[in-house]
Amino acid sequence: MVRQKRLSLLLHPIRRELYQILCENPGTYLLELVEILEAPLGTLTWHLRILEREGLVKSIKFAGKRLFYPRMLRTKEAEMAYLTMRSTTAKKIFQYIVNNPGCYQEQLAESLGVHHDTVRWHVTRMEDVGLIRVEREGRKKRHYLAHLGEALLKGSLNTISETFVMFLMEKLEQGCLNPKIIDRTEDHVTIRFDCPEKAKDCRITINLKDWEFTFADDEQNEDVMETD
């Protein structure tokens, strides 16, 4: 019975697609998954329960919602960084600090058209996880990127580690699926494995995408191009 459970872990097409989506979109919550996969809530809840029970997926409760992540793909601090940067407002605040290092909270609020309290709330969360650092200057505060923010900007948080690949291969080997890596780069991996009930082998492909940021110089260049 245990062998059959492991055998069918990623053979089921919904579970395979579900796992792939969570790898590429960490911190996705249940209703988002329902919309992406166009599957019934009860069906996805059941498949998520299996993935979590078998150790491929983990979940945390955040802001009243249960969010799902793949296990072993990223470090805990990287997962927290992506969680903190989920909202559009958070991304705008982070991007503004990238383009305006040393900016004040008043500048952030005025330039982005966001209430001071909202800016303060997001900034506090980013500071807590190490995305930005805040330096006092009299009664005001200046905002800069911290170590995790620099890493996020360089894309080094979003890579497929050897540890993760070995973890996933082991899970597939436990089900006697004879996994084999057929394509791999720093941010991409495709694994082929046996499908006993089908003549054709199954594959799972994970493509990690970096955060996209607009830099001040890029904006200026776009303005020049539009003028010409």
Protein backbone atom coordinates (compact mmCIF):
# COMPACT_ATOMS: atom_id res chain seq x y z
CA MET A 1 0.00 0.00 0.00
CA VAL A 2 2.82 2.39 0.86
CA ARG A 3 4.58 1.51 -2.40
CA GLN A 4 1.42 2.29 -4.39
CA LYS A 5 1.05 5.67 -2.69
CA ARG A 6 4.63 6.62 -3.54
CA LEU A 7 4.27 5.20 -7.04
CA SER A 8 1.38 7.52 -7.81
CA LEU A 9 2.82 10.62 -6.11
CA LEU A 10 3.74 12.53 -9.28
CA LEU A 11 2.22 10.18 -11.84
CA HIS A 12 -1.16 11.84 -11.40
CA PRO A 13 -1.31 14.70 -13.97
CA ILE A 14 -3.02 17.14 -11.60
CA ARG A 15 -0.49 16.53 -8.82
CA ARG A 16 2.38 16.86 -11.28
CA GLU A 17 1.09 20.17 -12.63
CA LEU A 18 0.23 21.35 -9.13
CA TYR A 19 3.75 20.65 -7.90
CA GLN A 20 5.29 22.37 -10.92
CA ILE A 21 3.16 25.49 -10.37
CA LEU A 22 4.19 25.67 -6.70
CA CYS A 23 7.87 25.39 -7.64
CA GLU A 24 7.56 28.24 -10.12
CA ASN A 25 5.19 30.34 -7.98
CA PRO A 26 6.12 29.88 -4.30
CA GLY A 27 3.59 31.06 -1.76
CA THR A 28 0.51 30.48 -3.94
CA TYR A 29 -2.68 30.07 -1.94
CA LEU A 30 -5.51 27.64 -2.53
CA LEU A 31 -7.99 29.88 -4.38
CA GLU A 32 -5.23 31.03 -6.74
CA LEU A 33 -4.48 27.40 -7.53
CA VAL A 34 -8.18 26.77 -8.21
CA GLU A 35 -8.15 29.63 -10.72
CA ILE A 36 -4.87 28.62 -12.38
CA LEU A 37 -5.74 24.94 -12.77
CA GLU A 38 -9.49 25.45 -13.22
CA ALA A 39 -10.08 22.52 -10.90
CA PRO A 40 -12.61 22.06 -8.07
CA LEU A 41 -11.58 23.28 -4.62
CA GLY A 42 -12.13 19.86 -3.04
CA THR A 43 -10.01 18.12 -5.67
CA LEU A 44 -7.02 20.43 -5.18
CA THR A 45 -7.35 20.27 -1.40
CA TRP A 46 -7.10 16.48 -1.58
CA HIS A 47 -4.06 16.50 -3.90
CA LEU A 48 -2.30 19.16 -1.81
CA ARG A 49 -2.88 17.07 1.30
CA ILE A 50 -1.14 14.13 -0.40
CA LEU A 51 1.82 16.23 -1.58
CA GLU A 52 2.21 17.74 1.88
CA ARG A 53 1.89 14.39 3.66
CA GLU A 54 4.53 12.82 1.42
CA GLY A 55 6.95 15.71 2.04
CA LEU A 56 7.06 17.38 -1.37
CA VAL A 57 5.08 20.44 -0.30
CA LYS A 58 4.82 22.52 2.86
CA SER A 59 2.34 25.21 3.88
CA ILE A 60 2.18 28.15 6.25
CA LYS A 61 -0.66 30.42 7.34
CA PHE A 62 -0.04 34.05 6.47
CA ALA A 63 -2.45 37.01 6.65
CA GLY A 64 -5.39 34.65 7.10
CA LYS A 65 -4.51 32.49 4.09
CA ARG A 66 -2.72 29.16 3.81
CA LEU A 67 0.15 29.43 1.35
CA PHE A 68 1.93 26.48 -0.26
CA TYR A 69 5.62 25.99 -1.12
CA PRO A 70 7.79 23.19 -2.51
CA ARG A 71 10.11 21.67 0.08
CA MET A 72 13.90 21.94 -0.35
CA LEU A 73 13.80 24.14 -3.46
CA ARG A 74 14.85 27.37 -1.75
CA THR A 75 16.26 28.43 1.60
CA LYS A 76 13.84 29.51 4.32
CA GLU A 77 14.99 33.14 4.03
CA ALA A 78 14.46 33.05 0.26
CA GLU A 79 10.91 31.74 0.73
CA MET A 80 10.21 34.54 3.22
CA ALA A 81 11.57 37.08 0.73
CA TYR A 82 9.20 35.88 -1.97
CA LEU A 83 6.31 35.81 0.48
CA THR A 84 7.03 39.38 1.56
CA MET A 85 7.20 40.53 -2.07
CA ARG A 86 3.92 38.97 -3.21
CA SER A 87 1.86 42.15 -3.33
CA THR A 88 2.10 44.77 -6.08
CA THR A 89 2.60 47.53 -3.49
CA ALA A 90 5.54 45.71 -1.91
CA LYS A 91 7.18 45.27 -5.31
CA LYS A 92 6.73 48.97 -6.10
CA ILE A 93 8.26 50.00 -2.77
CA PHE A 94 11.22 47.65 -3.25
CA GLN A 95 11.76 48.84 -6.81
CA TYR A 96 11.66 52.48 -5.73
CA ILE A 97 14.36 51.80 -3.12
CA VAL A 98 16.43 50.00 -5.77
CA ASN A 99 16.26 53.09 -7.99
CA ASN A 100 16.52 55.61 -5.14
CA PRO A 101 18.86 54.27 -2.44
CA GLY A 102 18.74 56.38 0.71
CA CYS A 103 15.19 57.61 0.04
CA TYR A 104 12.95 58.75 2.90
CA GLN A 105 9.56 57.29 3.80
CA GLU A 106 7.89 60.54 2.76
CA GLN A 107 9.42 60.22 -0.70
CA LEU A 108 8.20 56.64 -1.01
CA ALA A 109 4.64 57.52 -0.02
CA GLU A 110 4.41 60.62 -2.20
CA SER A 111 6.08 59.15 -5.29
CA LEU A 112 4.06 55.93 -5.22
CA GLY A 113 0.78 57.48 -4.09
CA VAL A 114 0.62 55.11 -1.13
CA HIS A 115 -0.43 56.00 2.43
CA HIS A 116 2.41 56.43 4.94
CA ASP A 117 1.05 53.68 7.17
CA THR A 118 0.95 51.26 4.24
CA VAL A 119 4.54 52.10 3.32
CA ARG A 120 5.63 51.67 6.93
CA TRP A 121 3.90 48.28 7.18
CA HIS A 122 5.59 46.90 4.05
CA VAL A 123 8.96 48.40 4.95
CA THR A 124 8.84 46.78 8.40
CA ARG A 125 8.17 43.36 6.87
CA MET A 126 10.99 43.79 4.33
CA GLU A 127 13.36 44.90 7.07
CA ASP A 128 12.43 41.92 9.25
CA VAL A 129 13.35 39.38 6.55
CA GLY A 130 16.50 41.21 5.46
CA LEU A 131 15.39 42.67 2.13
CA ILE A 132 16.05 46.28 3.12
CA ARG A 133 17.81 48.13 5.91
CA VAL A 134 16.68 51.39 7.47
CA GLU A 135 19.13 53.98 8.80
CA ARG A 136 18.06 56.80 11.05
CA GLU A 137 19.00 60.34 10.15
CA GLY A 138 17.70 62.58 12.90
CA ARG A 139 13.93 62.13 12.94
CA LYS A 140 13.89 60.66 9.45
CA LYS A 141 14.83 57.26 8.07
CA ARG A 142 16.75 56.37 4.94
CA HIS A 143 16.10 53.11 3.07
CA TYR A 144 18.69 50.88 1.41
CA LEU A 145 18.89 47.32 0.11
CA ALA A 146 20.05 44.74 2.66
CA HIS A 147 21.87 41.45 1.95
CA LEU A 148 18.73 39.55 0.94
CA GLY A 149 17.56 42.41 -1.26
CA GLU A 150 20.90 42.44 -3.08
CA ALA A 151 20.68 38.67 -3.57
CA LEU A 152 17.11 38.94 -4.90
CA LEU A 153 18.19 41.65 -7.31
CA LYS A 154 21.04 39.50 -8.64
CA GLY A 155 18.74 36.49 -9.04
CA SER A 156 20.81 34.28 -6.75
CA LEU A 157 17.76 33.39 -4.62
CA ASN A 158 16.06 31.70 -7.54
CA THR A 159 18.33 28.83 -8.55
CA ILE A 160 17.84 25.07 -8.61
CA SER A 161 20.30 23.60 -6.13
CA GLU A 162 21.92 20.17 -6.24
CA THR A 163 20.24 19.44 -2.90
CA PHE A 164 16.78 19.98 -4.38
CA VAL A 165 17.47 17.84 -7.44
CA MET A 166 18.76 14.99 -5.25
CA PHE A 167 15.70 15.37 -3.00
CA LEU A 168 13.28 15.13 -5.94
CA MET A 169 15.17 12.25 -7.55
CA GLU A 170 15.07 10.35 -4.25
CA LYS A 171 11.31 10.84 -3.97
CA LEU A 172 10.84 9.44 -7.48
CA GLU A 173 13.27 6.58 -6.87
CA GLN A 174 11.30 5.57 -3.78
CA GLY A 175 8.37 4.90 -6.09
CA CYS A 176 10.59 2.81 -8.42
CA LEU A 177 10.00 5.29 -11.24
CA ASN A 178 13.61 5.17 -12.54
CA PRO A 179 14.05 8.96 -12.79
CA LYS A 180 16.63 10.46 -15.13
CA ILE A 181 17.68 14.09 -15.58
CA ILE A 182 17.47 14.89 -19.27
CA ASP A 183 18.00 18.66 -19.16
CA ARG A 184 19.33 20.96 -16.47
CA THR A 185 20.56 24.54 -16.09
CA GLU A 186 20.85 26.86 -13.09
CA ASP A 187 17.14 27.76 -13.26
CA HIS A 188 15.66 24.83 -15.22
CA VAL A 189 15.41 21.08 -14.79
CA THR A 190 13.51 18.36 -16.67
CA ILE A 191 13.25 14.87 -15.19
CA ARG A 192 11.90 11.86 -17.06
CA PHE A 193 10.43 8.94 -15.15
CA ASP A 194 8.54 5.72 -15.87
CA CYS A 195 4.76 5.64 -16.19
CA PRO A 196 3.79 1.99 -15.62
CA GLU A 197 0.22 2.50 -16.80
CA LYS A 198 1.23 4.29 -20.01
CA ALA A 199 3.47 3.40 -22.92
CA LYS A 200 4.89 6.92 -22.89
CA ASP A 201 7.19 8.10 -20.10
CA CYS A 202 6.25 11.06 -17.91
CA ARG A 203 8.24 14.25 -17.48
CA ILE A 204 8.25 17.10 -15.03
CA THR A 205 9.86 20.41 -15.98
CA ILE A 206 10.54 23.23 -13.54
CA ASN A 207 11.41 26.69 -14.88
CA LEU A 208 12.25 29.31 -12.28
CA LYS A 209 11.68 32.93 -13.23
CA ASP A 210 13.52 35.85 -11.68
CA TRP A 211 11.78 38.93 -10.39
CA GLU A 212 11.69 41.66 -13.01
CA PHE A 213 12.64 45.18 -11.97
CA THR A 214 12.66 48.42 -13.89
CA PHE A 215 15.72 50.54 -13.24
CA ALA A 216 15.88 54.31 -13.40
CA ASP A 217 18.30 54.24 -16.34
CA ASP A 218 15.98 51.90 -18.24
CA GLU A 219 13.05 54.27 -17.71
CA GLN A 220 15.11 57.20 -18.99
CA ASN A 221 16.19 55.22 -22.07
CA GLU A 222 12.55 54.31 -22.81
CA ASP A 223 11.58 57.98 -22.62
CA VAL A 224 14.32 58.87 -25.12
CA MET A 225 13.22 56.13 -27.50
CA GLU A 226 9.60 57.28 -27.35
CA THR A 227 10.66 60.87 -28.07
CA ASP A 228 12.66 59.80 -31.11
